[in-house]
Amino acid sequence: MVTESYNKHLNVFIHINDGEELCSKCQGKGVVPLRKLLREKKVINLTCSQCLGKGKIDWVEKAMRR
């Protein structure tokens, strides 16, 4: 089980404590890539809407969002 992950959004390592888990949408990074398809090959990172950029969710957040 991964207990530490690098969060690009906050620019820190996050530690997973008891009752928490990595965000399934961003895998702990805090951001989700969005590609522009209009002739540009840029990658734009958006803040994750599931964990709000924290990279981890606790059991309360998990229960409330499902």
PDB file of N, CA and C in Angstrom:
ATOM      1  N   MET A   1       0.844  -1.190   0.000  1.00  0.00           N
ATOM      2  CA  MET A   1       0.000   0.000   0.000  1.00  0.00           C
ATOM      3  C   MET A   1       0.886   1.250   0.000  1.00  0.00           C
ATOM      4  N   VAL A   2       0.565   2.190  -0.857  1.00  0.00           N
ATOM      5  CA  VAL A   2       1.333   3.426  -0.946  1.00  0.00           C
ATOM      6  C   VAL A   2       0.924   4.335   0.213  1.00  0.00           C
ATOM      7  N   THR A   3       1.902   4.793   0.970  1.00  0.00           N
ATOM      8  CA  THR A   3       1.601   5.675   2.088  1.00  0.00           C
ATOM      9  C   THR A   3       2.098   7.088   1.851  1.00  0.00           C
ATOM     10  N   GLU A   4       2.751   7.327   0.714  1.00  0.00           N
ATOM     11  CA  GLU A   4       3.266   8.643   0.391  1.00  0.00           C
ATOM     12  C   GLU A   4       3.165   8.871  -1.108  1.00  0.00           C
ATOM     13  N   SER A   5       2.826  10.092  -1.495  1.00  0.00           N
ATOM     14  CA  SER A   5       2.707  10.426  -2.906  1.00  0.00           C
ATOM     15  C   SER A   5       3.067  11.895  -3.091  1.00  0.00           C
ATOM     16  N   TYR A   6       3.600  12.243  -4.258  1.00  0.00           N
ATOM     17  CA  TYR A   6       3.935  13.639  -4.548  1.00  0.00           C
ATOM     18  C   TYR A   6       2.722  14.339  -5.145  1.00  0.00           C
ATOM     19  N   ASN A   7       2.358  15.466  -4.576  1.00  0.00           N
ATOM     20  CA  ASN A   7       1.225  16.244  -5.032  1.00  0.00           C
ATOM     21  C   ASN A   7       1.743  17.434  -5.833  1.00  0.00           C
ATOM     22  N   LYS A   8       1.494  17.434  -7.165  1.00  0.00           N
ATOM     23  CA  LYS A   8       1.961  18.515  -8.041  1.00  0.00           C
ATOM     24  C   LYS A   8       1.260  19.839  -7.738  1.00  0.00           C
ATOM     25  N   HIS A   9       0.000  19.772  -7.371  1.00  0.00           N
ATOM     26  CA  HIS A   9      -0.792  20.982  -7.129  1.00  0.00           C
ATOM     27  C   HIS A   9      -0.279  21.742  -5.907  1.00  0.00           C
ATOM     28  N   LEU A  10      -0.005  21.033  -4.818  1.00  0.00           N
ATOM     29  CA  LEU A  10       0.480  21.667  -3.595  1.00  0.00           C
ATOM     30  C   LEU A  10       1.997  21.724  -3.516  1.00  0.00           C
ATOM     31  N   ASN A  11       2.686  21.004  -4.423  1.00  0.00           N
ATOM     32  CA  ASN A  11       4.136  20.954  -4.480  1.00  0.00           C
ATOM     33  C   ASN A  11       4.743  20.393  -3.188  1.00  0.00           C
ATOM     34  N   VAL A  12       4.105  19.349  -2.648  1.00  0.00           N
ATOM     35  CA  VAL A  12       4.574  18.689  -1.422  1.00  0.00           C
ATOM     36  C   VAL A  12       4.317  17.187  -1.525  1.00  0.00           C
ATOM     37  N   PHE A  13       4.969  16.435  -0.658  1.00  0.00           N
ATOM     38  CA  PHE A  13       4.647  15.021  -0.508  1.00  0.00           C
ATOM     39  C   PHE A  13       3.492  14.909   0.472  1.00  0.00           C
ATOM     40  N   ILE A  14       2.482  14.124   0.116  1.00  0.00           N
ATOM     41  CA  ILE A  14       1.364  13.909   1.031  1.00  0.00           C
ATOM     42  C   ILE A  14       1.509  12.525   1.645  1.00  0.00           C
ATOM     43  N   HIS A  15       1.117  12.407   2.886  1.00  0.00           N
ATOM     44  CA  HIS A  15       1.186  11.142   3.608  1.00  0.00           C
ATOM     45  C   HIS A  15      -0.229  10.636   3.830  1.00  0.00           C
ATOM     46  N   ILE A  16      -0.432   9.376   3.574  1.00  0.00           N
ATOM     47  CA  ILE A  16      -1.744   8.758   3.734  1.00  0.00           C
ATOM     48  C   ILE A  16      -1.822   8.181   5.143  1.00  0.00           C
ATOM     49  N   ASN A  17      -2.757   8.692   5.934  1.00  0.00           N
ATOM     50  CA  ASN A  17      -2.957   8.233   7.301  1.00  0.00           C
ATOM     51  C   ASN A  17      -4.087   7.210   7.346  1.00  0.00           C
ATOM     52  N   ASP A  18      -4.363   6.681   8.520  1.00  0.00           N
ATOM     53  CA  ASP A  18      -5.476   5.739   8.679  1.00  0.00           C
ATOM     54  C   ASP A  18      -6.786   6.424   8.321  1.00  0.00           C
ATOM     55  N   GLY A  19      -7.640   5.730   7.584  1.00  0.00           N
ATOM     56  CA  GLY A  19      -8.935   6.271   7.183  1.00  0.00           C
ATOM     57  C   GLY A  19      -8.882   7.143   5.943  1.00  0.00           C
ATOM     58  N   GLU A  20      -7.708   7.301   5.344  1.00  0.00           N
ATOM     59  CA  GLU A  20      -7.553   8.091   4.122  1.00  0.00           C
ATOM     60  C   GLU A  20      -7.088   7.191   2.992  1.00  0.00           C
ATOM     61  N   GLU A  21      -7.291   7.649   1.773  1.00  0.00           N
ATOM     62  CA  GLU A  21      -6.786   6.932   0.607  1.00  0.00           C
ATOM     63  C   GLU A  21      -6.480   7.929  -0.494  1.00  0.00           C
ATOM     64  N   LEU A  22      -5.631   7.507  -1.443  1.00  0.00           N
ATOM     65  CA  LEU A  22      -5.324   8.359  -2.583  1.00  0.00           C
ATOM     66  C   LEU A  22      -6.580   8.589  -3.406  1.00  0.00           C
ATOM     67  N   CYS A  23      -6.692   9.754  -3.954  1.00  0.00           N
ATOM     68  CA  CYS A  23      -7.825  10.083  -4.816  1.00  0.00           C
ATOM     69  C   CYS A  23      -7.776   9.191  -6.049  1.00  0.00           C
ATOM     70  N   SER A  24      -8.881   8.565  -6.366  1.00  0.00           N
ATOM     71  CA  SER A  24      -8.921   7.652  -7.507  1.00  0.00           C
ATOM     72  C   SER A  24      -8.927   8.392  -8.842  1.00  0.00           C
ATOM     73  N   LYS A  25      -9.292   9.659  -8.840  1.00  0.00           N
ATOM     74  CA  LYS A  25      -9.363  10.410 -10.089  1.00  0.00           C
ATOM     75  C   LYS A  25      -7.992  10.949 -10.516  1.00  0.00           C
ATOM     76  N   CYS A  26      -7.222  11.470  -9.565  1.00  0.00           N
ATOM     77  CA  CYS A  26      -5.924  12.075  -9.909  1.00  0.00           C
ATOM     78  C   CYS A  26      -4.730  11.265  -9.416  1.00  0.00           C
ATOM     79  N   GLN A  27      -4.962  10.149  -8.729  1.00  0.00           N
ATOM     80  CA  GLN A  27      -3.918   9.291  -8.178  1.00  0.00           C
ATOM     81  C   GLN A  27      -2.957  10.044  -7.253  1.00  0.00           C
ATOM     82  N   GLY A  28      -3.484  11.009  -6.521  1.00  0.00           N
ATOM     83  CA  GLY A  28      -2.695  11.733  -5.531  1.00  0.00           C
ATOM     84  C   GLY A  28      -1.955  12.949  -6.043  1.00  0.00           C
ATOM     85  N   LYS A  29      -2.061  13.247  -7.324  1.00  0.00           N
ATOM     86  CA  LYS A  29      -1.323  14.370  -7.903  1.00  0.00           C
ATOM     87  C   LYS A  29      -2.002  15.714  -7.659  1.00  0.00           C
ATOM     88  N   GLY A  30      -3.300  15.710  -7.437  1.00  0.00           N
ATOM     89  CA  GLY A  30      -4.028  16.957  -7.190  1.00  0.00           C
ATOM     90  C   GLY A  30      -4.507  17.655  -8.441  1.00  0.00           C
ATOM     91  N   VAL A  31      -4.008  17.227  -9.598  1.00  0.00           N
ATOM     92  CA  VAL A  31      -4.408  17.826 -10.869  1.00  0.00           C
ATOM     93  C   VAL A  31      -4.764  16.740 -11.869  1.00  0.00           C
ATOM     94  N   VAL A  32      -5.622  17.099 -12.808  1.00  0.00           N
ATOM     95  CA  VAL A  32      -6.049  16.186 -13.869  1.00  0.00           C
ATOM     96  C   VAL A  32      -5.724  16.853 -15.200  1.00  0.00           C
ATOM     97  N   PRO A  33      -5.003  16.172 -16.104  1.00  0.00           N
ATOM     98  CA  PRO A  33      -4.645  16.798 -17.384  1.00  0.00           C
ATOM     99  C   PRO A  33      -5.843  16.933 -18.320  1.00  0.00           C
ATOM    100  N   LEU A  34      -5.879  18.033 -19.027  1.00  0.00           N
ATOM    101  CA  LEU A  34      -6.907  18.281 -20.038  1.00  0.00           C
ATOM    102  C   LEU A  34      -6.187  18.729 -21.299  1.00  0.00           C
ATOM    103  N   ARG A  35      -6.343  17.989 -22.341  1.00  0.00           N
ATOM    104  CA  ARG A  35      -5.664  18.327 -23.596  1.00  0.00           C
ATOM    105  C   ARG A  35      -6.548  19.218 -24.457  1.00  0.00           C
ATOM    106  N   LYS A  36      -5.939  20.223 -25.014  1.00  0.00           N
ATOM    107  CA  LYS A  36      -6.645  21.062 -25.974  1.00  0.00           C
ATOM    108  C   LYS A  36      -6.555  20.390 -27.334  1.00  0.00           C
ATOM    109  N   LEU A  37      -7.665  20.212 -27.970  1.00  0.00           N
ATOM    110  CA  LEU A  37      -7.689  19.513 -29.243  1.00  0.00           C
ATOM    111  C   LEU A  37      -7.730  20.458 -30.444  1.00  0.00           C
ATOM    112  N   LEU A  38      -7.729  21.733 -30.211  1.00  0.00           N
ATOM    113  CA  LEU A  38      -7.829  22.697 -31.306  1.00  0.00           C
ATOM    114  C   LEU A  38      -6.447  23.097 -31.825  1.00  0.00           C
ATOM    115  N   ARG A  39      -5.816  22.190 -32.540  1.00  0.00           N
ATOM    116  CA  ARG A  39      -4.534  22.429 -33.218  1.00  0.00           C
ATOM    117  C   ARG A  39      -3.381  22.720 -32.263  1.00  0.00           C
ATOM    118  N   GLU A  40      -3.593  22.638 -30.992  1.00  0.00           N
ATOM    119  CA  GLU A  40      -2.513  22.876 -30.042  1.00  0.00           C
ATOM    120  C   GLU A  40      -2.223  21.581 -29.308  1.00  0.00           C
ATOM    121  N   LYS A  41      -0.988  21.360 -29.005  1.00  0.00           N
ATOM    122  CA  LYS A  41      -0.619  20.146 -28.292  1.00  0.00           C
ATOM    123  C   LYS A  41      -0.232  20.458 -26.849  1.00  0.00           C
ATOM    124  N   LYS A  42      -0.821  21.503 -26.306  1.00  0.00           N
ATOM    125  CA  LYS A  42      -0.555  21.873 -24.924  1.00  0.00           C
ATOM    126  C   LYS A  42      -1.330  20.954 -23.987  1.00  0.00           C
ATOM    127  N   VAL A  43      -0.765  20.746 -22.830  1.00  0.00           N
ATOM    128  CA  VAL A  43      -1.466  20.015 -21.782  1.00  0.00           C
ATOM    129  C   VAL A  43      -1.793  21.015 -20.681  1.00  0.00           C
ATOM    130  N   ILE A  44      -3.053  21.148 -20.382  1.00  0.00           N
ATOM    131  CA  ILE A  44      -3.496  22.046 -19.322  1.00  0.00           C
ATOM    132  C   ILE A  44      -3.913  21.183 -18.141  1.00  0.00           C
ATOM    133  N   ASN A  45      -3.420  21.516 -16.964  1.00  0.00           N
ATOM    134  CA  ASN A  45      -3.778  20.775 -15.772  1.00  0.00           C
ATOM    135  C   ASN A  45      -4.875  21.500 -15.013  1.00  0.00           C
ATOM    136  N   LEU A  46      -5.928  20.779 -14.697  1.00  0.00           N
ATOM    137  CA  LEU A  46      -7.031  21.318 -13.917  1.00  0.00           C
ATOM    138  C   LEU A  46      -6.982  20.729 -12.513  1.00  0.00           C
ATOM    139  N   THR A  47      -7.392  21.506 -11.527  1.00  0.00           N
ATOM    140  CA  THR A  47      -7.473  21.000 -10.162  1.00  0.00           C
ATOM    141  C   THR A  47      -8.511  19.892 -10.110  1.00  0.00           C
ATOM    142  N   CYS A  48      -8.170  18.818  -9.443  1.00  0.00           N
ATOM    143  CA  CYS A  48      -9.058  17.660  -9.350  1.00  0.00           C
ATOM    144  C   CYS A  48     -10.347  18.039  -8.628  1.00  0.00           C
ATOM    145  N   SER A  49     -11.461  17.669  -9.208  1.00  0.00           N
ATOM    146  CA  SER A  49     -12.757  18.019  -8.609  1.00  0.00           C
ATOM    147  C   SER A  49     -13.175  17.054  -7.505  1.00  0.00           C
ATOM    148  N   GLN A  50     -12.545  15.903  -7.435  1.00  0.00           N
ATOM    149  CA  GLN A  50     -12.921  14.928  -6.412  1.00  0.00           C
ATOM    150  C   GLN A  50     -12.256  15.229  -5.066  1.00  0.00           C
ATOM    151  N   CYS A  51     -10.966  15.527  -5.088  1.00  0.00           N
ATOM    152  CA  CYS A  51     -10.245  15.777  -3.832  1.00  0.00           C
ATOM    153  C   CYS A  51      -9.946  17.262  -3.626  1.00  0.00           C
ATOM    154  N   LEU A  52     -10.319  18.098  -4.586  1.00  0.00           N
ATOM    155  CA  LEU A  52     -10.097  19.543  -4.554  1.00  0.00           C
ATOM    156  C   LEU A  52      -8.618  19.902  -4.444  1.00  0.00           C
ATOM    157  N   GLY A  53      -7.769  19.088  -5.058  1.00  0.00           N
ATOM    158  CA  GLY A  53      -6.344  19.365  -5.122  1.00  0.00           C
ATOM    159  C   GLY A  53      -5.527  18.811  -3.972  1.00  0.00           C
ATOM    160  N   LYS A  54      -6.162  18.203  -2.988  1.00  0.00           N
ATOM    161  CA  LYS A  54      -5.427  17.669  -1.838  1.00  0.00           C
ATOM    162  C   LYS A  54      -4.709  16.371  -2.170  1.00  0.00           C
ATOM    163  N   GLY A  55      -5.216  15.602  -3.114  1.00  0.00           N
ATOM    164  CA  GLY A  55      -4.597  14.344  -3.509  1.00  0.00           C
ATOM    165  C   GLY A  55      -5.049  13.146  -2.707  1.00  0.00           C
ATOM    166  N   LYS A  56      -5.761  13.362  -1.639  1.00  0.00           N
ATOM    167  CA  LYS A  56      -6.262  12.259  -0.819  1.00  0.00           C
ATOM    168  C   LYS A  56      -7.658  12.597  -0.321  1.00  0.00           C
ATOM    169  N   ILE A  57      -8.406  11.555  -0.031  1.00  0.00           N
ATOM    170  CA  ILE A  57      -9.746  11.739   0.520  1.00  0.00           C
ATOM    171  C   ILE A  57      -9.869  10.871   1.767  1.00  0.00           C
ATOM    172  N   ASP A  58     -10.656  11.333   2.721  1.00  0.00           N
ATOM    173  CA  ASP A  58     -10.889  10.534   3.916  1.00  0.00           C
ATOM    174  C   ASP A  58     -12.226   9.816   3.784  1.00  0.00           C
ATOM    175  N   TRP A  59     -12.573   9.036   4.763  1.00  0.00           N
ATOM    176  CA  TRP A  59     -13.777   8.201   4.659  1.00  0.00           C
ATOM    177  C   TRP A  59     -15.043   9.048   4.600  1.00  0.00           C
ATOM    178  N   VAL A  60     -15.047  10.218   5.211  1.00  0.00           N
ATOM    179  CA  VAL A  60     -16.235  11.086   5.172  1.00  0.00           C
ATOM    180  C   VAL A  60     -16.439  11.632   3.768  1.00  0.00           C
ATOM    181  N   GLU A  61     -15.362  12.149   3.162  1.00  0.00           N
ATOM    182  CA  GLU A  61     -15.457  12.659   1.790  1.00  0.00           C
ATOM    183  C   GLU A  61     -15.852  11.558   0.818  1.00  0.00           C
ATOM    184  N   LYS A  62     -15.311  10.358   1.036  1.00  0.00           N
ATOM    185  CA  LYS A  62     -15.635   9.238   0.173  1.00  0.00           C
ATOM    186  C   LYS A  62     -17.122   8.885   0.262  1.00  0.00           C
ATOM    187  N   ALA A  63     -17.670   8.898   1.458  1.00  0.00           N
ATOM    188  CA  ALA A  63     -19.081   8.577   1.654  1.00  0.00           C
ATOM    189  C   ALA A  63     -19.999   9.666   1.107  1.00  0.00           C
ATOM    190  N   MET A  64     -19.604  10.910   1.225  1.00  0.00           N
ATOM    191  CA  MET A  64     -20.445  12.020   0.790  1.00  0.00           C
ATOM    192  C   MET A  64     -20.466  12.208  -0.727  1.00  0.00           C
ATOM    193  N   ARG A  65     -19.437  11.809  -1.418  1.00  0.00           N
ATOM    194  CA  ARG A  65     -19.357  12.040  -2.866  1.00  0.00           C
ATOM    195  C   ARG A  65     -19.928  10.893  -3.677  1.00  0.00           C
ATOM    196  N   ARG A  66     -20.262   9.775  -3.082  1.00  0.00           N
ATOM    197  CA  ARG A  66     -20.774   8.636  -3.845  1.00  0.00           C
ATOM    198  C   ARG A  66     -22.244   8.567  -3.793  1.00  0.00           C
TER     199      ARG A  66
END
